Amino acid sequence: GCVALVPEGLEVAKWMDSFVDNFRHQQYEGSKSLVLVYHHTDHKTAQIVKQHADGLFIKAVAAQDAEFPSTAAARFGMWHVRDADVIARWDFEAWHHPERLNMQVRALALAGRPASLLDRWTILDATNSKNIVEDGPHWDGGIAGQGSWMQEKWYPFLRESEQGVVGSHATEDVVSVDEPGLVVFDSLRP
């Protein structure tokens, strides 16, 4: 199950089709689903998200939290895929390589660890330059883990405490995947 927080704003309509197509092209061997979480007061985004939702493969859920995006909104989205074997953060402002789910789930299985985190990722800037980075605001944009582990340990948007939780379990729980092309953040996306 993949959890995406859909931002507010007019740009969402511009990017939603490509975002959903990008998810549909995941070459993961098992079943997969995408939860699109939007803020309950954002009626325009709700309308766009609901056009893409079918209730099974792609779900639309409204987060009631005062802040958005937030830890509560992300965990609310995760609750909608709570029975999934693996849960992944699926950032809206990123392009996800078609093999991302496959590679991260295989890394979990081969390492025998409950979580997988990308060591590095790519940021595409306004000049279309690709910058490979390993630190910064998207440090947890490439996290995937066993459902039970994610439910217990994943608290995104808490920055220091999230890094502390994942970091403190890095050697025993988290397998690192060093493939920066698996997630590409586009600075032009909302």
N, C-alpha and C. Protein backbone atom coordinates (compact mmCIF):
# COMPACT_ATOMS: atom_id res chain seq x y z
N GLY A 1 0.83 -1.18 0.00
CA GLY A 1 0.00 0.00 0.00
C GLY A 1 0.87 1.23 0.00
N CYS A 2 0.59 2.15 -0.89
CA CYS A 2 1.36 3.39 -1.00
C CYS A 2 0.51 4.56 -0.54
N VAL A 3 1.11 5.43 0.26
CA VAL A 3 0.39 6.56 0.85
C VAL A 3 0.93 7.86 0.27
N ALA A 4 0.05 8.64 -0.35
CA ALA A 4 0.42 9.92 -0.94
C ALA A 4 -0.43 11.03 -0.35
N LEU A 5 0.21 12.09 0.11
CA LEU A 5 -0.49 13.27 0.58
C LEU A 5 -0.55 14.25 -0.60
N VAL A 6 -1.76 14.57 -1.02
CA VAL A 6 -1.95 15.43 -2.18
C VAL A 6 -2.05 16.87 -1.70
N PRO A 7 -1.14 17.73 -2.17
CA PRO A 7 -1.14 19.11 -1.68
C PRO A 7 -2.31 19.92 -2.21
N GLU A 8 -2.57 21.01 -1.55
CA GLU A 8 -3.61 21.93 -2.00
C GLU A 8 -3.05 22.81 -3.12
N GLY A 9 -3.92 23.28 -3.99
CA GLY A 9 -3.48 24.23 -5.00
C GLY A 9 -3.90 23.85 -6.40
N LEU A 10 -3.82 24.83 -7.27
CA LEU A 10 -4.25 24.65 -8.65
C LEU A 10 -3.36 23.70 -9.44
N GLU A 11 -2.11 23.56 -9.05
CA GLU A 11 -1.17 22.72 -9.78
C GLU A 11 -1.51 21.23 -9.69
N VAL A 12 -2.31 20.86 -8.73
CA VAL A 12 -2.66 19.44 -8.55
C VAL A 12 -3.32 18.89 -9.81
N ALA A 13 -4.24 19.66 -10.38
CA ALA A 13 -4.93 19.20 -11.59
C ALA A 13 -3.94 18.94 -12.72
N LYS A 14 -2.92 19.76 -12.81
CA LYS A 14 -1.91 19.64 -13.86
C LYS A 14 -1.10 18.35 -13.72
N TRP A 15 -0.83 17.93 -12.49
CA TRP A 15 0.07 16.79 -12.24
C TRP A 15 -0.62 15.48 -11.90
N MET A 16 -1.90 15.49 -11.57
CA MET A 16 -2.56 14.29 -11.06
C MET A 16 -2.55 13.14 -12.07
N ASP A 17 -2.84 13.39 -13.32
CA ASP A 17 -2.85 12.31 -14.31
C ASP A 17 -1.50 11.62 -14.40
N SER A 18 -0.41 12.40 -14.47
CA SER A 18 0.91 11.78 -14.58
C SER A 18 1.30 11.06 -13.29
N PHE A 19 0.87 11.59 -12.15
CA PHE A 19 1.17 10.94 -10.88
C PHE A 19 0.50 9.57 -10.80
N VAL A 20 -0.77 9.51 -11.16
CA VAL A 20 -1.50 8.24 -11.12
C VAL A 20 -0.95 7.27 -12.18
N ASP A 21 -0.64 7.77 -13.37
CA ASP A 21 -0.04 6.91 -14.40
C ASP A 21 1.29 6.35 -13.93
N ASN A 22 2.09 7.19 -13.26
CA ASN A 22 3.37 6.75 -12.73
C ASN A 22 3.17 5.59 -11.76
N PHE A 23 2.15 5.67 -10.91
CA PHE A 23 1.86 4.57 -9.98
C PHE A 23 1.39 3.32 -10.74
N ARG A 24 0.54 3.51 -11.71
CA ARG A 24 0.03 2.36 -12.48
C ARG A 24 1.14 1.61 -13.21
N HIS A 25 2.24 2.29 -13.51
CA HIS A 25 3.35 1.66 -14.23
C HIS A 25 4.34 0.94 -13.31
N GLN A 26 4.06 0.91 -12.03
CA GLN A 26 4.93 0.16 -11.13
C GLN A 26 4.88 -1.31 -11.53
N GLN A 27 6.05 -1.91 -11.69
CA GLN A 27 6.14 -3.30 -12.13
C GLN A 27 6.28 -4.27 -10.96
N TYR A 28 5.58 -3.95 -9.90
CA TYR A 28 5.58 -4.79 -8.71
C TYR A 28 4.79 -6.05 -9.00
N GLU A 29 5.31 -7.19 -8.58
CA GLU A 29 4.70 -8.48 -8.90
C GLU A 29 3.43 -8.77 -8.11
N GLY A 30 3.31 -8.21 -6.94
CA GLY A 30 2.14 -8.46 -6.10
C GLY A 30 1.06 -7.42 -6.32
N SER A 31 0.03 -7.51 -5.49
CA SER A 31 -1.03 -6.51 -5.59
C SER A 31 -0.53 -5.21 -4.97
N LYS A 32 -1.10 -4.11 -5.42
CA LYS A 32 -0.70 -2.82 -4.90
C LYS A 32 -1.90 -1.90 -4.86
N SER A 33 -1.82 -0.89 -3.99
CA SER A 33 -2.87 0.11 -3.92
C SER A 33 -2.25 1.46 -3.56
N LEU A 34 -2.96 2.51 -3.94
CA LEU A 34 -2.51 3.87 -3.68
C LEU A 34 -3.60 4.59 -2.92
N VAL A 35 -3.23 5.21 -1.81
CA VAL A 35 -4.17 6.01 -1.04
C VAL A 35 -3.80 7.47 -1.25
N LEU A 36 -4.74 8.22 -1.80
CA LEU A 36 -4.56 9.65 -2.04
C LEU A 36 -5.24 10.41 -0.90
N VAL A 37 -4.45 11.03 -0.05
CA VAL A 37 -4.96 11.74 1.11
C VAL A 37 -4.98 13.23 0.79
N TYR A 38 -6.13 13.85 0.99
CA TYR A 38 -6.27 15.29 0.75
C TYR A 38 -6.89 15.93 1.99
N HIS A 39 -6.77 17.25 2.10
CA HIS A 39 -7.33 17.95 3.24
C HIS A 39 -8.84 18.11 3.06
N HIS A 40 -9.59 17.86 4.10
CA HIS A 40 -11.05 17.84 4.01
C HIS A 40 -11.67 19.18 3.60
N THR A 41 -10.98 20.28 3.77
CA THR A 41 -11.53 21.58 3.36
C THR A 41 -11.18 21.96 1.92
N ASP A 42 -10.34 21.16 1.29
CA ASP A 42 -9.89 21.45 -0.08
C ASP A 42 -10.81 20.75 -1.07
N HIS A 43 -11.90 21.39 -1.40
CA HIS A 43 -12.93 20.78 -2.25
C HIS A 43 -12.47 20.58 -3.69
N LYS A 44 -11.64 21.47 -4.19
CA LYS A 44 -11.13 21.35 -5.56
C LYS A 44 -10.24 20.10 -5.69
N THR A 45 -9.31 19.95 -4.75
CA THR A 45 -8.44 18.77 -4.77
C THR A 45 -9.27 17.50 -4.55
N ALA A 46 -10.26 17.57 -3.67
CA ALA A 46 -11.12 16.41 -3.43
C ALA A 46 -11.78 15.95 -4.72
N GLN A 47 -12.26 16.89 -5.50
CA GLN A 47 -12.91 16.56 -6.77
C GLN A 47 -11.93 15.89 -7.73
N ILE A 48 -10.73 16.42 -7.83
CA ILE A 48 -9.70 15.86 -8.72
C ILE A 48 -9.31 14.46 -8.27
N VAL A 49 -9.07 14.30 -6.98
CA VAL A 49 -8.65 13.01 -6.43
C VAL A 49 -9.74 11.96 -6.64
N LYS A 50 -10.98 12.32 -6.39
CA LYS A 50 -12.08 11.36 -6.52
C LYS A 50 -12.30 10.90 -7.97
N GLN A 51 -11.90 11.72 -8.93
CA GLN A 51 -11.99 11.31 -10.34
C GLN A 51 -11.06 10.16 -10.65
N HIS A 52 -9.99 10.02 -9.88
CA HIS A 52 -9.00 8.97 -10.12
C HIS A 52 -9.18 7.74 -9.22
N ALA A 53 -10.02 7.88 -8.22
CA ALA A 53 -10.19 6.79 -7.25
C ALA A 53 -11.24 5.80 -7.72
N ASP A 54 -10.93 4.53 -7.49
CA ASP A 54 -11.91 3.48 -7.79
C ASP A 54 -12.35 2.75 -6.52
N GLY A 55 -11.77 3.11 -5.38
CA GLY A 55 -12.14 2.51 -4.11
C GLY A 55 -11.37 1.25 -3.75
N LEU A 56 -10.68 0.65 -4.69
CA LEU A 56 -9.90 -0.56 -4.43
C LEU A 56 -8.42 -0.36 -4.74
N PHE A 57 -8.11 -0.13 -6.00
CA PHE A 57 -6.74 0.07 -6.46
C PHE A 57 -6.24 1.45 -6.05
N ILE A 58 -7.09 2.44 -6.18
CA ILE A 58 -6.78 3.81 -5.78
C ILE A 58 -7.91 4.31 -4.90
N LYS A 59 -7.55 4.75 -3.69
CA LYS A 59 -8.53 5.23 -2.73
C LYS A 59 -8.32 6.72 -2.47
N ALA A 60 -9.41 7.43 -2.24
CA ALA A 60 -9.37 8.84 -1.88
C ALA A 60 -9.88 8.98 -0.46
N VAL A 61 -9.08 9.61 0.41
CA VAL A 61 -9.51 9.80 1.79
C VAL A 61 -9.24 11.24 2.23
N ALA A 62 -10.16 11.78 2.99
CA ALA A 62 -10.06 13.16 3.47
C ALA A 62 -9.51 13.18 4.89
N ALA A 63 -8.40 13.87 5.08
CA ALA A 63 -7.80 14.02 6.40
C ALA A 63 -8.45 15.19 7.11
N GLN A 64 -8.80 15.00 8.36
CA GLN A 64 -9.49 16.01 9.15
C GLN A 64 -8.54 16.88 9.97
N ASP A 65 -7.26 16.60 9.92
CA ASP A 65 -6.29 17.32 10.72
C ASP A 65 -6.26 18.80 10.36
N ALA A 66 -5.98 19.66 11.34
CA ALA A 66 -5.93 21.11 11.09
C ALA A 66 -4.77 21.46 10.17
N GLU A 67 -3.63 20.81 10.35
CA GLU A 67 -2.47 21.05 9.49
C GLU A 67 -2.46 20.03 8.36
N PHE A 68 -1.88 20.45 7.25
CA PHE A 68 -1.73 19.53 6.13
C PHE A 68 -0.60 20.02 5.27
N PRO A 69 0.37 19.19 4.93
CA PRO A 69 0.50 17.79 5.33
C PRO A 69 0.91 17.67 6.80
N SER A 70 0.65 16.52 7.35
CA SER A 70 0.96 16.31 8.76
C SER A 70 1.18 14.82 9.03
N THR A 71 1.73 14.57 10.20
CA THR A 71 1.91 13.20 10.65
C THR A 71 0.57 12.48 10.73
N ALA A 72 -0.42 13.15 11.31
CA ALA A 72 -1.75 12.55 11.47
C ALA A 72 -2.36 12.22 10.11
N ALA A 73 -2.21 13.10 9.13
CA ALA A 73 -2.77 12.85 7.81
C ALA A 73 -2.09 11.65 7.15
N ALA A 74 -0.77 11.55 7.26
CA ALA A 74 -0.05 10.42 6.68
C ALA A 74 -0.44 9.10 7.36
N ARG A 75 -0.54 9.13 8.68
CA ARG A 75 -0.91 7.92 9.41
C ARG A 75 -2.37 7.55 9.15
N PHE A 76 -3.22 8.54 8.92
CA PHE A 76 -4.61 8.26 8.55
C PHE A 76 -4.65 7.55 7.19
N GLY A 77 -3.84 8.01 6.24
CA GLY A 77 -3.74 7.33 4.95
C GLY A 77 -3.23 5.91 5.11
N MET A 78 -2.24 5.73 5.99
CA MET A 78 -1.69 4.40 6.23
C MET A 78 -2.75 3.48 6.83
N TRP A 79 -3.62 4.03 7.65
CA TRP A 79 -4.69 3.22 8.25
C TRP A 79 -5.56 2.59 7.16
N HIS A 80 -5.68 3.24 6.03
CA HIS A 80 -6.50 2.71 4.93
C HIS A 80 -5.82 1.59 4.16
N VAL A 81 -4.56 1.32 4.46
CA VAL A 81 -3.86 0.17 3.86
C VAL A 81 -3.25 -0.69 4.96
N ARG A 82 -3.86 -0.65 6.14
CA ARG A 82 -3.30 -1.32 7.32
C ARG A 82 -3.11 -2.82 7.15
N ASP A 83 -3.82 -3.44 6.24
CA ASP A 83 -3.67 -4.88 6.03
C ASP A 83 -2.60 -5.22 4.99
N ALA A 84 -1.96 -4.19 4.42
CA ALA A 84 -0.94 -4.43 3.41
C ALA A 84 0.30 -5.06 4.03
N ASP A 85 0.94 -5.94 3.29
CA ASP A 85 2.20 -6.53 3.75
C ASP A 85 3.30 -5.48 3.85
N VAL A 86 3.31 -4.55 2.87
CA VAL A 86 4.31 -3.50 2.81
C VAL A 86 3.60 -2.16 2.60
N ILE A 87 4.08 -1.14 3.31
CA ILE A 87 3.55 0.22 3.16
C ILE A 87 4.71 1.12 2.74
N ALA A 88 4.44 1.98 1.76
CA ALA A 88 5.48 2.88 1.25
C ALA A 88 4.99 4.31 1.23
N ARG A 89 5.88 5.22 1.54
CA ARG A 89 5.58 6.64 1.36
C ARG A 89 5.70 6.92 -0.14
N TRP A 90 4.72 7.64 -0.68
CA TRP A 90 4.64 7.86 -2.13
C TRP A 90 4.41 9.35 -2.37
N ASP A 91 5.47 10.13 -2.37
CA ASP A 91 5.36 11.59 -2.44
C ASP A 91 4.79 12.07 -3.77
N PHE A 92 3.85 13.00 -3.68
CA PHE A 92 3.18 13.56 -4.86
C PHE A 92 4.14 14.35 -5.74
N GLU A 93 5.10 15.03 -5.14
CA GLU A 93 5.99 15.87 -5.92
C GLU A 93 7.16 15.10 -6.54
N ALA A 94 7.06 13.78 -6.55
CA ALA A 94 8.14 12.95 -7.08
C ALA A 94 7.67 12.05 -8.20
N TRP A 95 8.63 11.68 -9.05
CA TRP A 95 8.43 10.62 -10.03
C TRP A 95 9.07 9.38 -9.42
N HIS A 96 8.35 8.27 -9.48
CA HIS A 96 8.82 7.02 -8.87
C HIS A 96 9.15 6.04 -9.99
N HIS A 97 10.39 5.57 -10.00
CA HIS A 97 10.83 4.62 -11.03
C HIS A 97 9.91 3.40 -11.04
N PRO A 98 9.59 2.86 -12.23
CA PRO A 98 8.69 1.70 -12.31
C PRO A 98 9.15 0.48 -11.49
N GLU A 99 10.41 0.42 -11.15
CA GLU A 99 10.93 -0.70 -10.36
C GLU A 99 11.08 -0.38 -8.87
N ARG A 100 10.62 0.80 -8.46
CA ARG A 100 10.85 1.20 -7.06
C ARG A 100 10.27 0.19 -6.07
N LEU A 101 9.00 -0.12 -6.18
CA LEU A 101 8.40 -1.07 -5.24
C LEU A 101 9.10 -2.42 -5.28
N ASN A 102 9.34 -2.92 -6.48
CA ASN A 102 10.03 -4.20 -6.64
C ASN A 102 11.37 -4.20 -5.92
N MET A 103 12.18 -3.17 -6.17
CA MET A 103 13.52 -3.14 -5.59
C MET A 103 13.48 -3.02 -4.06
N GLN A 104 12.58 -2.19 -3.55
CA GLN A 104 12.55 -2.03 -2.10
C GLN A 104 11.99 -3.26 -1.40
N VAL A 105 10.99 -3.90 -1.97
CA VAL A 105 10.45 -5.11 -1.36
C VAL A 105 11.47 -6.24 -1.44
N ARG A 106 12.17 -6.35 -2.54
CA ARG A 106 13.23 -7.37 -2.65
C ARG A 106 14.34 -7.11 -1.64
N ALA A 107 14.69 -5.84 -1.44
CA ALA A 107 15.72 -5.50 -0.45
C ALA A 107 15.28 -5.95 0.94
N LEU A 108 14.00 -5.74 1.26
CA LEU A 108 13.47 -6.20 2.56
C LEU A 108 13.64 -7.71 2.70
N ALA A 109 13.25 -8.42 1.66
CA ALA A 109 13.30 -9.88 1.70
C ALA A 109 14.74 -10.40 1.77
N LEU A 110 15.61 -9.86 0.94
CA LEU A 110 17.00 -10.34 0.91
C LEU A 110 17.74 -10.02 2.20
N ALA A 111 17.49 -8.86 2.77
CA ALA A 111 18.19 -8.47 3.99
C ALA A 111 17.53 -9.03 5.25
N GLY A 112 16.28 -9.48 5.11
CA GLY A 112 15.57 -9.98 6.27
C GLY A 112 15.28 -8.88 7.29
N ARG A 113 15.08 -7.67 6.79
CA ARG A 113 14.80 -6.54 7.67
C ARG A 113 13.41 -5.99 7.37
N PRO A 114 12.78 -5.33 8.34
CA PRO A 114 11.40 -4.88 8.15
C PRO A 114 11.24 -3.55 7.42
N ALA A 115 12.33 -2.81 7.16
CA ALA A 115 12.18 -1.52 6.49
C ALA A 115 13.31 -1.29 5.50
N SER A 116 12.99 -0.47 4.51
CA SER A 116 13.93 -0.12 3.46
C SER A 116 13.90 1.39 3.27
N LEU A 117 15.07 2.00 3.14
CA LEU A 117 15.16 3.44 2.98
C LEU A 117 16.19 3.75 1.90
N LEU A 118 15.82 4.65 0.99
CA LEU A 118 16.76 5.05 -0.05
C LEU A 118 17.87 5.90 0.55
N ASP A 119 19.12 5.56 0.25
CA ASP A 119 20.26 6.34 0.72
C ASP A 119 20.33 7.71 0.05
N ARG A 120 20.02 7.72 -1.24
CA ARG A 120 20.12 8.94 -2.03
C ARG A 120 18.93 9.03 -2.97
N TRP A 121 18.63 10.22 -3.42
CA TRP A 121 17.54 10.46 -4.35
C TRP A 121 17.97 11.59 -5.27
N THR A 122 17.16 11.83 -6.28
CA THR A 122 17.49 12.84 -7.27
C THR A 122 16.51 14.00 -7.17
N ILE A 123 17.03 15.21 -7.32
CA ILE A 123 16.19 16.40 -7.38
C ILE A 123 16.43 17.05 -8.73
N LEU A 124 15.35 17.27 -9.46
CA LEU A 124 15.40 17.92 -10.76
C LEU A 124 15.06 19.39 -10.53
N ASP A 125 15.98 20.28 -10.88
CA ASP A 125 15.73 21.70 -10.63
C ASP A 125 15.11 22.38 -11.85
N ALA A 126 14.88 23.67 -11.76
CA ALA A 126 14.19 24.43 -12.81
C ALA A 126 14.93 24.41 -14.14
N THR A 127 16.24 24.16 -14.12
CA THR A 127 17.02 24.10 -15.37
C THR A 127 17.14 22.67 -15.90
N ASN A 128 16.38 21.74 -15.30
CA ASN A 128 16.42 20.32 -15.64
C ASN A 128 17.75 19.65 -15.29
N SER A 129 18.49 20.26 -14.38
CA SER A 129 19.72 19.64 -13.89
C SER A 129 19.34 18.61 -12.83
N LYS A 130 20.00 17.46 -12.88
CA LYS A 130 19.74 16.41 -11.90
C LYS A 130 20.79 16.49 -10.81
N ASN A 131 20.33 16.65 -9.60
CA ASN A 131 21.22 16.71 -8.45
C ASN A 131 20.94 15.51 -7.55
N ILE A 132 21.95 14.71 -7.31
CA ILE A 132 21.79 13.56 -6.43
C ILE A 132 22.16 14.00 -5.03
N VAL A 133 21.22 13.80 -4.11
CA VAL A 133 21.42 14.25 -2.73
C VAL A 133 21.18 13.10 -1.76
N GLU A 134 21.71 13.28 -0.56
CA GLU A 134 21.55 12.24 0.46
C GLU A 134 21.09 12.81 1.80
N ASP A 135 20.76 14.09 1.81
CA ASP A 135 20.29 14.70 3.04
C ASP A 135 19.35 15.83 2.67
N GLY A 136 18.46 16.16 3.58
CA GLY A 136 17.55 17.26 3.33
C GLY A 136 16.11 16.88 3.57
N PRO A 137 15.20 17.71 3.10
CA PRO A 137 13.79 17.54 3.44
C PRO A 137 13.14 16.27 2.89
N HIS A 138 13.73 15.63 1.91
CA HIS A 138 13.13 14.41 1.34
C HIS A 138 13.79 13.14 1.85
N TRP A 139 14.50 13.23 2.96
CA TRP A 139 15.29 12.09 3.44
C TRP A 139 14.45 10.83 3.64
N ASP A 140 13.15 10.97 3.96
CA ASP A 140 12.32 9.78 4.19
C ASP A 140 11.32 9.57 3.05
N GLY A 141 11.49 10.25 1.93
CA GLY A 141 10.59 10.08 0.79
C GLY A 141 10.68 8.71 0.15
N GLY A 142 11.72 7.99 0.44
CA GLY A 142 11.91 6.65 -0.13
C GLY A 142 11.85 5.57 0.93
N ILE A 143 10.93 5.69 1.87
CA ILE A 143 10.81 4.66 2.91
C ILE A 143 9.70 3.68 2.54
N ALA A 144 9.96 2.43 2.78
CA ALA A 144 8.98 1.36 2.61
C ALA A 144 9.27 0.34 3.70
N GLY A 145 8.23 -0.27 4.22
CA GLY A 145 8.46 -1.24 5.28
C GLY A 145 7.29 -2.18 5.46
N GLN A 146 7.55 -3.23 6.20
CA GLN A 146 6.48 -4.16 6.53
C GLN A 146 5.38 -3.38 7.23
N GLY A 147 4.14 -3.74 6.95
CA GLY A 147 3.00 -3.00 7.49
C GLY A 147 3.06 -2.81 8.99
N SER A 148 3.35 -3.86 9.73
CA SER A 148 3.37 -3.75 11.20
C SER A 148 4.49 -2.84 11.67
N TRP A 149 5.64 -2.88 11.01
CA TRP A 149 6.77 -2.02 11.38
C TRP A 149 6.41 -0.56 11.11
N MET A 150 5.83 -0.28 9.94
CA MET A 150 5.46 1.09 9.59
C MET A 150 4.40 1.62 10.57
N GLN A 151 3.44 0.79 10.94
CA GLN A 151 2.41 1.25 11.87
C GLN A 151 3.01 1.62 13.22
N GLU A 152 4.03 0.90 13.63
CA GLU A 152 4.65 1.17 14.92
C GLU A 152 5.67 2.31 14.85
N LYS A 153 6.43 2.42 13.77
CA LYS A 153 7.59 3.31 13.74
C LYS A 153 7.47 4.54 12.85
N TRP A 154 6.57 4.54 11.86
CA TRP A 154 6.56 5.62 10.87
C TRP A 154 5.72 6.81 11.32
N TYR A 155 6.38 7.91 11.60
CA TYR A 155 5.75 9.16 11.99
C TYR A 155 6.36 10.29 11.16
N PRO A 156 5.96 10.41 9.89
CA PRO A 156 6.57 11.43 9.03
C PRO A 156 6.22 12.84 9.49
N PHE A 157 7.01 13.79 9.03
CA PHE A 157 6.83 15.22 9.30
C PHE A 157 7.17 15.60 10.73
N LEU A 158 7.72 14.70 11.50
CA LEU A 158 8.17 15.05 12.85
C LEU A 158 9.67 15.35 12.85
N ARG A 159 10.27 15.34 11.71
CA ARG A 159 11.68 15.61 11.43
C ARG A 159 12.64 14.95 12.42
N GLU A 160 13.04 15.66 13.47
CA GLU A 160 14.08 15.13 14.35
C GLU A 160 13.67 13.80 14.97
N SER A 161 12.43 13.72 15.46
CA SER A 161 12.03 12.48 16.12
C SER A 161 11.88 11.35 15.11
N GLU A 162 11.44 11.65 13.89
CA GLU A 162 11.33 10.61 12.86
C GLU A 162 12.72 10.11 12.48
N GLN A 163 13.64 11.03 12.26
CA GLN A 163 15.00 10.61 11.93
C GLN A 163 15.58 9.81 13.08
N GLY A 164 15.26 10.20 14.31
CA GLY A 164 15.74 9.47 15.47
C GLY A 164 15.19 8.06 15.53
N VAL A 165 13.89 7.91 15.24
CA VAL A 165 13.26 6.59 15.27
C VAL A 165 13.87 5.70 14.20
N VAL A 166 13.93 6.18 12.98
CA VAL A 166 14.49 5.37 11.89
C VAL A 166 15.98 5.18 12.11
N GLY A 167 16.68 6.26 12.46
CA GLY A 167 18.13 6.18 12.66
C GLY A 167 18.52 5.22 13.77
N SER A 168 17.76 5.20 14.85
CA SER A 168 18.09 4.34 15.98
C SER A 168 17.87 2.86 15.65
N HIS A 169 17.11 2.60 14.61
CA HIS A 169 16.86 1.22 14.20
C HIS A 169 17.60 0.86 12.92
N ALA A 170 18.42 1.77 12.41
CA ALA A 170 19.03 1.61 11.09
C ALA A 170 19.79 0.31 10.95
N THR A 171 20.62 -0.04 11.90
CA THR A 171 21.44 -1.22 11.73
C THR A 171 20.65 -2.51 11.86
N GLU A 172 19.66 -2.52 12.70
CA GLU A 172 18.94 -3.76 12.91
C GLU A 172 17.65 -3.89 12.08
N ASP A 173 17.00 -2.77 11.76
CA ASP A 173 15.71 -2.83 11.08
C ASP A 173 15.71 -2.35 9.63
N VAL A 174 16.57 -1.41 9.29
CA VAL A 174 16.47 -0.73 8.01
C VAL A 174 17.59 -1.15 7.06
N VAL A 175 17.20 -1.60 5.88
CA VAL A 175 18.18 -1.89 4.84
C VAL A 175 18.25 -0.66 3.93
N SER A 176 19.45 -0.24 3.62
CA SER A 176 19.66 0.92 2.75
C SER A 176 19.70 0.48 1.30
N VAL A 177 19.03 1.24 0.46
CA VAL A 177 19.05 0.99 -0.98
C VAL A 177 19.70 2.21 -1.62
N ASP A 178 20.82 2.00 -2.29
CA ASP A 178 21.55 3.11 -2.89
C ASP A 178 21.31 3.14 -4.39
N GLU A 179 20.17 3.65 -4.76
CA GLU A 179 19.80 3.80 -6.17
C GLU A 179 19.05 5.12 -6.30
N PRO A 180 19.78 6.23 -6.51
CA PRO A 180 19.17 7.56 -6.50
C PRO A 180 18.13 7.80 -7.58
N GLY A 181 18.09 6.97 -8.60
CA GLY A 181 17.10 7.14 -9.66
C GLY A 181 15.74 6.56 -9.35
N LEU A 182 15.57 5.93 -8.20
CA LEU A 182 14.28 5.34 -7.87
C LEU A 182 13.23 6.39 -7.53
N VAL A 183 13.67 7.53 -7.00
CA VAL A 183 12.76 8.63 -6.69
C VAL A 183 13.41 9.93 -7.18
N VAL A 184 12.67 10.64 -8.02
CA VAL A 184 13.14 11.91 -8.56
C VAL A 184 12.14 12.98 -8.17
N PHE A 185 12.58 13.93 -7.36
CA PHE A 185 11.73 15.04 -6.94
C PHE A 185 11.87 16.16 -7.94
N ASP A 186 10.74 16.69 -8.37
CA ASP A 186 10.69 17.76 -9.37
C ASP A 186 10.41 19.07 -8.64
N SER A 187 11.33 20.00 -8.71
CA SER A 187 11.15 21.27 -8.01
C SER A 187 9.98 22.09 -8.58
N LEU A 188 9.49 21.74 -9.76
CA LEU A 188 8.36 22.48 -10.35
C LEU A 188 7.01 21.97 -9.88
N ARG A 189 6.98 20.77 -9.32
CA ARG A 189 5.73 20.23 -8.83
C ARG A 189 5.34 20.87 -7.52
N PRO A 190 4.02 20.88 -7.22
CA PRO A 190 3.57 21.48 -5.96
C PRO A 190 4.07 20.70 -4.75
